[in-house]
Amino acid sequence: MQDAEHSDVLIEVKGTHTTAEDEFYHDLGGELFKKTLPLLNDVLSKLLTVSIALSGGSAFFLGDAGYPQWTRITAAMMFVLASVSSLFGVNPLQRHAED
């Protein structure tokens, strides 16, 4: 019942008009937000291409006896993991807001 005790309290708020500098930073933040998602999607698609190319190279080195077996398998699995994660990142996940 704390609201009932302070129901007669009046809070006065004074506002000011925005300046040109405030408008600039507000618009800049909006533009950066709009450009971030396409840039991240582009980076993920390039990562997918590079990961697939490097996993092909690691498959070539799997037959080379000059490296220990655990390093060859670890390198191949890292490239496969990077490929799978970037593939999931390129395809956007759509969710609906719950009421």
PDB file of N, CA and C in Angstrom:
ATOM      1  N   MET A   1       0.812  -1.184   0.000  1.00  0.00           N
ATOM      2  CA  MET A   1       0.000   0.000   0.000  1.00  0.00           C
ATOM      3  C   MET A   1       0.861   1.255   0.000  1.00  0.00           C
ATOM      4  N   GLN A   2       2.031   1.127  -0.482  1.00  0.00           N
ATOM      5  CA  GLN A   2       2.920   2.275  -0.535  1.00  0.00           C
ATOM      6  C   GLN A   2       2.412   3.304  -1.538  1.00  0.00           C
ATOM      7  N   ASP A   3       1.718   2.863  -2.598  1.00  0.00           N
ATOM      8  CA  ASP A   3       1.184   3.797  -3.587  1.00  0.00           C
ATOM      9  C   ASP A   3       0.108   4.682  -2.991  1.00  0.00           C
ATOM     10  N   ALA A   4      -0.664   4.171  -2.070  1.00  0.00           N
ATOM     11  CA  ALA A   4      -1.721   4.962  -1.447  1.00  0.00           C
ATOM     12  C   ALA A   4      -1.135   6.070  -0.580  1.00  0.00           C
ATOM     13  N   GLU A   5       0.014   5.842   0.002  1.00  0.00           N
ATOM     14  CA  GLU A   5       0.635   6.860   0.848  1.00  0.00           C
ATOM     15  C   GLU A   5       1.156   8.035   0.022  1.00  0.00           C
ATOM     16  N   HIS A   6       1.630   7.775  -1.162  1.00  0.00           N
ATOM     17  CA  HIS A   6       2.233   8.815  -1.990  1.00  0.00           C
ATOM     18  C   HIS A   6       1.348   9.207  -3.160  1.00  0.00           C
ATOM     19  N   SER A   7       0.073   9.025  -3.052  1.00  0.00           N
ATOM     20  CA  SER A   7      -0.818   9.334  -4.165  1.00  0.00           C
ATOM     21  C   SER A   7      -0.962  10.837  -4.393  1.00  0.00           C
ATOM     22  N   ASP A   8      -0.650  11.666  -3.401  1.00  0.00           N
ATOM     23  CA  ASP A   8      -0.777  13.104  -3.563  1.00  0.00           C
ATOM     24  C   ASP A   8       0.532  13.767  -4.000  1.00  0.00           C
ATOM     25  N   VAL A   9       1.578  12.977  -4.293  1.00  0.00           N
ATOM     26  CA  VAL A   9       2.860  13.519  -4.715  1.00  0.00           C
ATOM     27  C   VAL A   9       2.779  13.862  -6.199  1.00  0.00           C
ATOM     28  N   LEU A  10       3.176  15.062  -6.553  1.00  0.00           N
ATOM     29  CA  LEU A  10       3.154  15.520  -7.934  1.00  0.00           C
ATOM     30  C   LEU A  10       4.584  15.711  -8.406  1.00  0.00           C
ATOM     31  N   ILE A  11       4.929  15.079  -9.497  1.00  0.00           N
ATOM     32  CA  ILE A  11       6.272  15.195 -10.057  1.00  0.00           C
ATOM     33  C   ILE A  11       6.181  16.056 -11.300  1.00  0.00           C
ATOM     34  N   GLU A  12       6.987  17.088 -11.336  1.00  0.00           N
ATOM     35  CA  GLU A  12       6.983  17.993 -12.481  1.00  0.00           C
ATOM     36  C   GLU A  12       8.216  17.710 -13.335  1.00  0.00           C
ATOM     37  N   VAL A  13       7.990  17.524 -14.629  1.00  0.00           N
ATOM     38  CA  VAL A  13       9.067  17.214 -15.561  1.00  0.00           C
ATOM     39  C   VAL A  13       9.119  18.328 -16.598  1.00  0.00           C
ATOM     40  N   LYS A  14      10.305  18.852 -16.801  1.00  0.00           N
ATOM     41  CA  LYS A  14      10.479  19.897 -17.798  1.00  0.00           C
ATOM     42  C   LYS A  14      11.279  19.310 -18.961  1.00  0.00           C
ATOM     43  N   GLY A  15      10.831  19.551 -20.163  1.00  0.00           N
ATOM     44  CA  GLY A  15      11.515  19.047 -21.342  1.00  0.00           C
ATOM     45  C   GLY A  15      12.114  20.183 -22.142  1.00  0.00           C
ATOM     46  N   THR A  16      13.096  19.850 -22.935  1.00  0.00           N
ATOM     47  CA  THR A  16      13.707  20.834 -23.824  1.00  0.00           C
ATOM     48  C   THR A  16      13.683  20.283 -25.235  1.00  0.00           C
ATOM     49  N   HIS A  17      13.793  21.170 -26.182  1.00  0.00           N
ATOM     50  CA  HIS A  17      13.859  20.749 -27.575  1.00  0.00           C
ATOM     51  C   HIS A  17      15.234  20.149 -27.850  1.00  0.00           C
ATOM     52  N   THR A  18      15.268  19.238 -28.799  1.00  0.00           N
ATOM     53  CA  THR A  18      16.543  18.614 -29.144  1.00  0.00           C
ATOM     54  C   THR A  18      17.398  19.578 -29.945  1.00  0.00           C
ATOM     55  N   THR A  19      18.678  19.437 -29.762  1.00  0.00           N
ATOM     56  CA  THR A  19      19.612  20.259 -30.520  1.00  0.00           C
ATOM     57  C   THR A  19      19.976  19.528 -31.808  1.00  0.00           C
ATOM     58  N   ALA A  20      20.683  20.210 -32.674  1.00  0.00           N
ATOM     59  CA  ALA A  20      21.121  19.594 -33.929  1.00  0.00           C
ATOM     60  C   ALA A  20      22.085  18.445 -33.659  1.00  0.00           C
ATOM     61  N   GLU A  21      22.896  18.591 -32.631  1.00  0.00           N
ATOM     62  CA  GLU A  21      23.836  17.533 -32.278  1.00  0.00           C
ATOM     63  C   GLU A  21      23.096  16.287 -31.771  1.00  0.00           C
ATOM     64  N   ASP A  22      22.050  16.492 -30.954  1.00  0.00           N
ATOM     65  CA  ASP A  22      21.248  15.363 -30.483  1.00  0.00           C
ATOM     66  C   ASP A  22      20.575  14.637 -31.649  1.00  0.00           C
ATOM     67  N   GLU A  23      20.034  15.394 -32.587  1.00  0.00           N
ATOM     68  CA  GLU A  23      19.402  14.797 -33.773  1.00  0.00           C
ATOM     69  C   GLU A  23      20.416  14.004 -34.583  1.00  0.00           C
ATOM     70  N   PHE A  24      21.632  14.547 -34.714  1.00  0.00           N
ATOM     71  CA  PHE A  24      22.673  13.861 -35.481  1.00  0.00           C
ATOM     72  C   PHE A  24      22.996  12.510 -34.870  1.00  0.00           C
ATOM     73  N   TYR A  25      23.210  12.463 -33.553  1.00  0.00           N
ATOM     74  CA  TYR A  25      23.562  11.211 -32.897  1.00  0.00           C
ATOM     75  C   TYR A  25      22.396  10.226 -32.898  1.00  0.00           C
ATOM     76  N   HIS A  26      21.190  10.725 -32.801  1.00  0.00           N
ATOM     77  CA  HIS A  26      20.022   9.850 -32.868  1.00  0.00           C
ATOM     78  C   HIS A  26      19.917   9.216 -34.253  1.00  0.00           C
ATOM     79  N   ASP A  27      20.069  10.011 -35.290  1.00  0.00           N
ATOM     80  CA  ASP A  27      20.009   9.485 -36.661  1.00  0.00           C
ATOM     81  C   ASP A  27      21.185   8.554 -36.950  1.00  0.00           C
ATOM     82  N   LEU A  28      22.374   8.882 -36.436  1.00  0.00           N
ATOM     83  CA  LEU A  28      23.547   8.037 -36.639  1.00  0.00           C
ATOM     84  C   LEU A  28      23.342   6.670 -35.997  1.00  0.00           C
ATOM     85  N   GLY A  29      22.790   6.638 -34.797  1.00  0.00           N
ATOM     86  CA  GLY A  29      22.521   5.364 -34.137  1.00  0.00           C
ATOM     87  C   GLY A  29      21.512   4.523 -34.903  1.00  0.00           C
ATOM     88  N   GLY A  30      20.492   5.164 -35.462  1.00  0.00           N
ATOM     89  CA  GLY A  30      19.515   4.432 -36.266  1.00  0.00           C
ATOM     90  C   GLY A  30      20.121   3.851 -37.523  1.00  0.00           C
ATOM     91  N   GLU A  31      20.976   4.614 -38.188  1.00  0.00           N
ATOM     92  CA  GLU A  31      21.620   4.129 -39.411  1.00  0.00           C
ATOM     93  C   GLU A  31      22.601   3.008 -39.119  1.00  0.00           C
ATOM     94  N   LEU A  32      23.349   3.120 -38.029  1.00  0.00           N
ATOM     95  CA  LEU A  32      24.283   2.046 -37.676  1.00  0.00           C
ATOM     96  C   LEU A  32      23.550   0.756 -37.365  1.00  0.00           C
ATOM     97  N   PHE A  33      22.416   0.852 -36.710  1.00  0.00           N
ATOM     98  CA  PHE A  33      21.630  -0.334 -36.389  1.00  0.00           C
ATOM     99  C   PHE A  33      21.096  -0.984 -37.659  1.00  0.00           C
ATOM    100  N   LYS A  34      20.657  -0.169 -38.621  1.00  0.00           N
ATOM    101  CA  LYS A  34      20.131  -0.715 -39.874  1.00  0.00           C
ATOM    102  C   LYS A  34      21.213  -1.409 -40.692  1.00  0.00           C
ATOM    103  N   LYS A  35      22.449  -0.926 -40.610  1.00  0.00           N
ATOM    104  CA  LYS A  35      23.527  -1.476 -41.427  1.00  0.00           C
ATOM    105  C   LYS A  35      24.237  -2.647 -40.765  1.00  0.00           C
ATOM    106  N   THR A  36      24.053  -2.862 -39.482  1.00  0.00           N
ATOM    107  CA  THR A  36      24.799  -3.890 -38.768  1.00  0.00           C
ATOM    108  C   THR A  36      24.377  -5.300 -39.170  1.00  0.00           C
ATOM    109  N   LEU A  37      23.087  -5.565 -39.233  1.00  0.00           N
ATOM    110  CA  LEU A  37      22.626  -6.915 -39.532  1.00  0.00           C
ATOM    111  C   LEU A  37      23.017  -7.376 -40.935  1.00  0.00           C
ATOM    112  N   PRO A  38      22.849  -6.573 -41.981  1.00  0.00           N
ATOM    113  CA  PRO A  38      23.323  -7.042 -43.291  1.00  0.00           C
ATOM    114  C   PRO A  38      24.834  -7.262 -43.327  1.00  0.00           C
ATOM    115  N   LEU A  39      25.589  -6.441 -42.611  1.00  0.00           N
ATOM    116  CA  LEU A  39      27.039  -6.619 -42.572  1.00  0.00           C
ATOM    117  C   LEU A  39      27.404  -7.935 -41.886  1.00  0.00           C
ATOM    118  N   LEU A  40      26.761  -8.239 -40.781  1.00  0.00           N
ATOM    119  CA  LEU A  40      27.029  -9.492 -40.085  1.00  0.00           C
ATOM    120  C   LEU A  40      26.639 -10.700 -40.931  1.00  0.00           C
ATOM    121  N   ASN A  41      25.542 -10.588 -41.662  1.00  0.00           N
ATOM    122  CA  ASN A  41      25.128 -11.676 -42.535  1.00  0.00           C
ATOM    123  C   ASN A  41      26.136 -11.872 -43.659  1.00  0.00           C
ATOM    124  N   ASP A  42      26.674 -10.791 -44.191  1.00  0.00           N
ATOM    125  CA  ASP A  42      27.683 -10.881 -45.237  1.00  0.00           C
ATOM    126  C   ASP A  42      28.965 -11.522 -44.710  1.00  0.00           C
ATOM    127  N   VAL A  43      29.367 -11.149 -43.505  1.00  0.00           N
ATOM    128  CA  VAL A  43      30.572 -11.728 -42.902  1.00  0.00           C
ATOM    129  C   VAL A  43      30.383 -13.229 -42.669  1.00  0.00           C
ATOM    130  N   LEU A  44      29.211 -13.625 -42.204  1.00  0.00           N
ATOM    131  CA  LEU A  44      28.956 -15.049 -41.976  1.00  0.00           C
ATOM    132  C   LEU A  44      28.966 -15.840 -43.276  1.00  0.00           C
ATOM    133  N   SER A  45      28.438 -15.265 -44.353  1.00  0.00           N
ATOM    134  CA  SER A  45      28.458 -15.997 -45.620  1.00  0.00           C
ATOM    135  C   SER A  45      29.879 -16.134 -46.146  1.00  0.00           C
ATOM    136  N   LYS A  46      30.715 -15.122 -45.930  1.00  0.00           N
ATOM    137  CA  LYS A  46      32.121 -15.244 -46.331  1.00  0.00           C
ATOM    138  C   LYS A  46      32.861 -16.239 -45.454  1.00  0.00           C
ATOM    139  N   LEU A  47      32.529 -16.285 -44.174  1.00  0.00           N
ATOM    140  CA  LEU A  47      33.129 -17.266 -43.287  1.00  0.00           C
ATOM    141  C   LEU A  47      32.751 -18.678 -43.704  1.00  0.00           C
ATOM    142  N   LEU A  48      31.531 -18.839 -44.171  1.00  0.00           N
ATOM    143  CA  LEU A  48      31.093 -20.143 -44.650  1.00  0.00           C
ATOM    144  C   LEU A  48      31.929 -20.588 -45.843  1.00  0.00           C
ATOM    145  N   THR A  49      32.185 -19.679 -46.774  1.00  0.00           N
ATOM    146  CA  THR A  49      32.989 -20.006 -47.952  1.00  0.00           C
ATOM    147  C   THR A  49      34.416 -20.365 -47.561  1.00  0.00           C
ATOM    148  N   VAL A  50      34.995 -19.578 -46.685  1.00  0.00           N
ATOM    149  CA  VAL A  50      36.371 -19.835 -46.257  1.00  0.00           C
ATOM    150  C   VAL A  50      36.464 -21.139 -45.471  1.00  0.00           C
ATOM    151  N   SER A  51      35.488 -21.410 -44.619  1.00  0.00           N
ATOM    152  CA  SER A  51      35.525 -22.632 -43.818  1.00  0.00           C
ATOM    153  C   SER A  51      35.419 -23.870 -44.691  1.00  0.00           C
ATOM    154  N   ILE A  52      34.581 -23.822 -45.696  1.00  0.00           N
ATOM    155  CA  ILE A  52      34.452 -24.979 -46.574  1.00  0.00           C
ATOM    156  C   ILE A  52      35.732 -25.184 -47.376  1.00  0.00           C
ATOM    157  N   ALA A  53      36.333 -24.106 -47.832  1.00  0.00           N
ATOM    158  CA  ALA A  53      37.593 -24.233 -48.575  1.00  0.00           C
ATOM    159  C   ALA A  53      38.703 -24.786 -47.680  1.00  0.00           C
ATOM    160  N   LEU A  54      38.781 -24.305 -46.450  1.00  0.00           N
ATOM    161  CA  LEU A  54      39.821 -24.784 -45.549  1.00  0.00           C
ATOM    162  C   LEU A  54      39.562 -26.208 -45.067  1.00  0.00           C
ATOM    163  N   SER A  55      38.299 -26.597 -44.969  1.00  0.00           N
ATOM    164  CA  SER A  55      38.035 -27.986 -44.593  1.00  0.00           C
ATOM    165  C   SER A  55      38.447 -28.927 -45.717  1.00  0.00           C
ATOM    166  N   GLY A  56      38.339 -28.473 -46.955  1.00  0.00           N
ATOM    167  CA  GLY A  56      38.869 -29.269 -48.058  1.00  0.00           C
ATOM    168  C   GLY A  56      40.378 -29.394 -47.974  1.00  0.00           C
ATOM    169  N   GLY A  57      41.055 -28.327 -47.591  1.00  0.00           N
ATOM    170  CA  GLY A  57      42.500 -28.377 -47.405  1.00  0.00           C
ATOM    171  C   GLY A  57      42.894 -29.259 -46.243  1.00  0.00           C
ATOM    172  N   SER A  58      42.109 -29.233 -45.184  1.00  0.00           N
ATOM    173  CA  SER A  58      42.432 -30.097 -44.046  1.00  0.00           C
ATOM    174  C   SER A  58      42.197 -31.564 -44.387  1.00  0.00           C
ATOM    175  N   ALA A  59      41.211 -31.827 -45.241  1.00  0.00           N
ATOM    176  CA  ALA A  59      40.996 -33.211 -45.674  1.00  0.00           C
ATOM    177  C   ALA A  59      42.193 -33.707 -46.482  1.00  0.00           C
ATOM    178  N   PHE A  60      42.830 -32.813 -47.214  1.00  0.00           N
ATOM    179  CA  PHE A  60      44.030 -33.180 -47.967  1.00  0.00           C
ATOM    180  C   PHE A  60      45.162 -33.561 -47.014  1.00  0.00           C
ATOM    181  N   PHE A  61      45.294 -32.812 -45.916  1.00  0.00           N
ATOM    182  CA  PHE A  61      46.373 -33.076 -44.962  1.00  0.00           C
ATOM    183  C   PHE A  61      46.076 -34.250 -44.023  1.00  0.00           C
ATOM    184  N   LEU A  62      44.851 -34.762 -44.038  1.00  0.00           N
ATOM    185  CA  LEU A  62      44.551 -35.918 -43.194  1.00  0.00           C
ATOM    186  C   LEU A  62      45.363 -37.137 -43.629  1.00  0.00           C
ATOM    187  N   GLY A  63      45.711 -37.197 -44.887  1.00  0.00           N
ATOM    188  CA  GLY A  63      46.496 -38.328 -45.373  1.00  0.00           C
ATOM    189  C   GLY A  63      47.989 -38.152 -45.162  1.00  0.00           C
ATOM    190  N   ASP A  64      48.437 -36.946 -44.776  1.00  0.00           N
ATOM    191  CA  ASP A  64      49.865 -36.689 -44.578  1.00  0.00           C
ATOM    192  C   ASP A  64      50.314 -37.278 -43.245  1.00  0.00           C
ATOM    193  N   ALA A  65      51.371 -38.057 -43.282  1.00  0.00           N
ATOM    194  CA  ALA A  65      51.863 -38.704 -42.062  1.00  0.00           C
ATOM    195  C   ALA A  65      52.809 -37.800 -41.271  1.00  0.00           C
ATOM    196  N   GLY A  66      53.092 -36.571 -41.763  1.00  0.00           N
ATOM    197  CA  GLY A  66      54.033 -35.687 -41.089  1.00  0.00           C
ATOM    198  C   GLY A  66      53.458 -35.032 -39.841  1.00  0.00           C
ATOM    199  N   TYR A  67      52.149 -35.085 -39.665  1.00  0.00           N
ATOM    200  CA  TYR A  67      51.501 -34.468 -38.500  1.00  0.00           C
ATOM    201  C   TYR A  67      50.914 -35.548 -37.622  1.00  0.00           C
ATOM    202  N   PRO A  68      50.858 -35.311 -36.317  1.00  0.00           N
ATOM    203  CA  PRO A  68      50.217 -36.298 -35.435  1.00  0.00           C
ATOM    204  C   PRO A  68      48.728 -36.436 -35.767  1.00  0.00           C
ATOM    205  N   GLN A  69      48.185 -37.592 -35.514  1.00  0.00           N
ATOM    206  CA  GLN A  69      46.790 -37.885 -35.860  1.00  0.00           C
ATOM    207  C   GLN A  69      45.820 -36.944 -35.147  1.00  0.00           C
ATOM    208  N   TRP A  70      46.060 -36.641 -33.868  1.00  0.00           N
ATOM    209  CA  TRP A  70      45.119 -35.812 -33.114  1.00  0.00           C
ATOM    210  C   TRP A  70      45.067 -34.383 -33.632  1.00  0.00           C
ATOM    211  N   THR A  71      46.173 -33.843 -34.149  1.00  0.00           N
ATOM    212  CA  THR A  71      46.148 -32.473 -34.677  1.00  0.00           C
ATOM    213  C   THR A  71      45.398 -32.410 -35.992  1.00  0.00           C
ATOM    214  N   ARG A  72      45.525 -33.428 -36.808  1.00  0.00           N
ATOM    215  CA  ARG A  72      44.818 -33.437 -38.092  1.00  0.00           C
ATOM    216  C   ARG A  72      43.305 -33.544 -37.881  1.00  0.00           C
ATOM    217  N   ILE A  73      42.912 -34.402 -36.970  1.00  0.00           N
ATOM    218  CA  ILE A  73      41.477 -34.561 -36.714  1.00  0.00           C
ATOM    219  C   ILE A  73      40.914 -33.324 -36.034  1.00  0.00           C
ATOM    220  N   THR A  74      41.665 -32.727 -35.119  1.00  0.00           N
ATOM    221  CA  THR A  74      41.211 -31.505 -34.443  1.00  0.00           C
ATOM    222  C   THR A  74      41.039 -30.367 -35.433  1.00  0.00           C
ATOM    223  N   ALA A  75      41.988 -30.199 -36.340  1.00  0.00           N
ATOM    224  CA  ALA A  75      41.875 -29.132 -37.344  1.00  0.00           C
ATOM    225  C   ALA A  75      40.679 -29.354 -38.254  1.00  0.00           C
ATOM    226  N   ALA A  76      40.476 -30.579 -38.676  1.00  0.00           N
ATOM    227  CA  ALA A  76      39.332 -30.872 -39.540  1.00  0.00           C
ATOM    228  C   ALA A  76      38.019 -30.625 -38.821  1.00  0.00           C
ATOM    229  N   MET A  77      37.925 -31.012 -37.562  1.00  0.00           N
ATOM    230  CA  MET A  77      36.686 -30.807 -36.807  1.00  0.00           C
ATOM    231  C   MET A  77      36.415 -29.325 -36.542  1.00  0.00           C
ATOM    232  N   MET A  78      37.456 -28.538 -36.328  1.00  0.00           N
ATOM    233  CA  MET A  78      37.266 -27.093 -36.130  1.00  0.00           C
ATOM    234  C   MET A  78      36.724 -26.424 -37.386  1.00  0.00           C
ATOM    235  N   PHE A  79      37.228 -26.810 -38.546  1.00  0.00           N
ATOM    236  CA  PHE A  79      36.710 -26.239 -39.791  1.00  0.00           C
ATOM    237  C   PHE A  79      35.280 -26.680 -40.046  1.00  0.00           C
ATOM    238  N   VAL A  80      34.959 -27.909 -39.728  1.00  0.00           N
ATOM    239  CA  VAL A  80      33.580 -28.373 -39.892  1.00  0.00           C
ATOM    240  C   VAL A  80      32.659 -27.636 -38.925  1.00  0.00           C
ATOM    241  N   LEU A  81      33.100 -27.441 -37.700  1.00  0.00           N
ATOM    242  CA  LEU A  81      32.301 -26.710 -36.714  1.00  0.00           C
ATOM    243  C   LEU A  81      32.075 -25.265 -37.143  1.00  0.00           C
ATOM    244  N   ALA A  82      33.114 -24.630 -37.666  1.00  0.00           N
ATOM    245  CA  ALA A  82      32.968 -23.251 -38.154  1.00  0.00           C
ATOM    246  C   ALA A  82      32.016 -23.193 -39.338  1.00  0.00           C
ATOM    247  N   SER A  83      32.068 -24.178 -40.208  1.00  0.00           N
ATOM    248  CA  SER A  83      31.167 -24.209 -41.363  1.00  0.00           C
ATOM    249  C   SER A  83      29.718 -24.373 -40.927  1.00  0.00           C
ATOM    250  N   VAL A  84      29.482 -25.273 -39.995  1.00  0.00           N
ATOM    251  CA  VAL A  84      28.115 -25.517 -39.537  1.00  0.00           C
ATOM    252  C   VAL A  84      27.566 -24.296 -38.802  1.00  0.00           C
ATOM    253  N   SER A  85      28.363 -23.680 -37.943  1.00  0.00           N
ATOM    254  CA  SER A  85      27.876 -22.522 -37.194  1.00  0.00           C
ATOM    255  C   SER A  85      27.627 -21.330 -38.104  1.00  0.00           C
ATOM    256  N   SER A  86      28.464 -21.118 -39.101  1.00  0.00           N
ATOM    257  CA  SER A  86      28.217 -20.005 -40.014  1.00  0.00           C
ATOM    258  C   SER A  86      27.034 -20.302 -40.926  1.00  0.00           C
ATOM    259  N   LEU A  87      26.794 -21.565 -41.243  1.00  0.00           N
ATOM    260  CA  LEU A  87      25.631 -21.923 -42.045  1.00  0.00           C
ATOM    261  C   LEU A  87      24.344 -21.631 -41.283  1.00  0.00           C
ATOM    262  N   PHE A  88      24.319 -21.947 -39.992  1.00  0.00           N
ATOM    263  CA  PHE A  88      23.153 -21.612 -39.182  1.00  0.00           C
ATOM    264  C   PHE A  88      22.999 -20.104 -39.006  1.00  0.00           C
ATOM    265  N   GLY A  89      24.099 -19.376 -38.992  1.00  0.00           N
ATOM    266  CA  GLY A  89      24.022 -17.922 -38.842  1.00  0.00           C
ATOM    267  C   GLY A  89      23.550 -17.215 -40.088  1.00  0.00           C
ATOM    268  N   VAL A  90      23.847 -17.753 -41.259  1.00  0.00           N
ATOM    269  CA  VAL A  90      23.437 -17.121 -42.512  1.00  0.00           C
ATOM    270  C   VAL A  90      21.933 -17.243 -42.705  1.00  0.00           C
ATOM    271  N   ASN A  91      21.369 -18.380 -42.315  1.00  0.00           N
ATOM    272  CA  ASN A  91      19.918 -18.566 -42.423  1.00  0.00           C
ATOM    273  C   ASN A  91      19.251 -17.958 -41.204  1.00  0.00           C
ATOM    274  N   PRO A  92      18.508 -16.851 -41.385  1.00  0.00           N
ATOM    275  CA  PRO A  92      17.931 -16.169 -40.219  1.00  0.00           C
ATOM    276  C   PRO A  92      16.837 -17.004 -39.561  1.00  0.00           C
ATOM    277  N   LEU A  93      16.755 -16.904 -38.268  1.00  0.00           N
ATOM    278  CA  LEU A  93      15.736 -17.583 -37.478  1.00  0.00           C
ATOM    279  C   LEU A  93      14.609 -16.596 -37.234  1.00  0.00           C
ATOM    280  N   GLN A  94      13.401 -16.963 -37.634  1.00  0.00           N
ATOM    281  CA  GLN A  94      12.260 -16.064 -37.457  1.00  0.00           C
ATOM    282  C   GLN A  94      11.445 -16.518 -36.263  1.00  0.00           C
ATOM    283  N   ARG A  95      11.208 -15.601 -35.368  1.00  0.00           N
ATOM    284  CA  ARG A  95      10.374 -15.877 -34.205  1.00  0.00           C
ATOM    285  C   ARG A  95       9.268 -14.836 -34.141  1.00  0.00           C
ATOM    286  N   HIS A  96       8.168 -15.246 -33.605  1.00  0.00           N
ATOM    287  CA  HIS A  96       7.039 -14.331 -33.440  1.00  0.00           C
ATOM    288  C   HIS A  96       6.958 -13.946 -31.964  1.00  0.00           C
ATOM    289  N   ALA A  97       6.662 -12.685 -31.728  1.00  0.00           N
ATOM    290  CA  ALA A  97       6.532 -12.205 -30.354  1.00  0.00           C
ATOM    291  C   ALA A  97       5.279 -12.813 -29.720  1.00  0.00           C
ATOM    292  N   GLU A  98       5.460 -13.297 -28.502  1.00  0.00           N
ATOM    293  CA  GLU A  98       4.321 -13.877 -27.802  1.00  0.00           C
ATOM    294  C   GLU A  98       3.599 -12.781 -27.046  1.00  0.00           C
ATOM    295  N   ASP A  99       2.293 -12.901 -27.038  1.00  0.00           N
ATOM    296  CA  ASP A  99       1.477 -11.875 -26.338  1.00  0.00           C
ATOM    297  C   ASP A  99       1.543 -12.063 -24.862  1.00  0.00           C
TER     298      ASP A  99
END
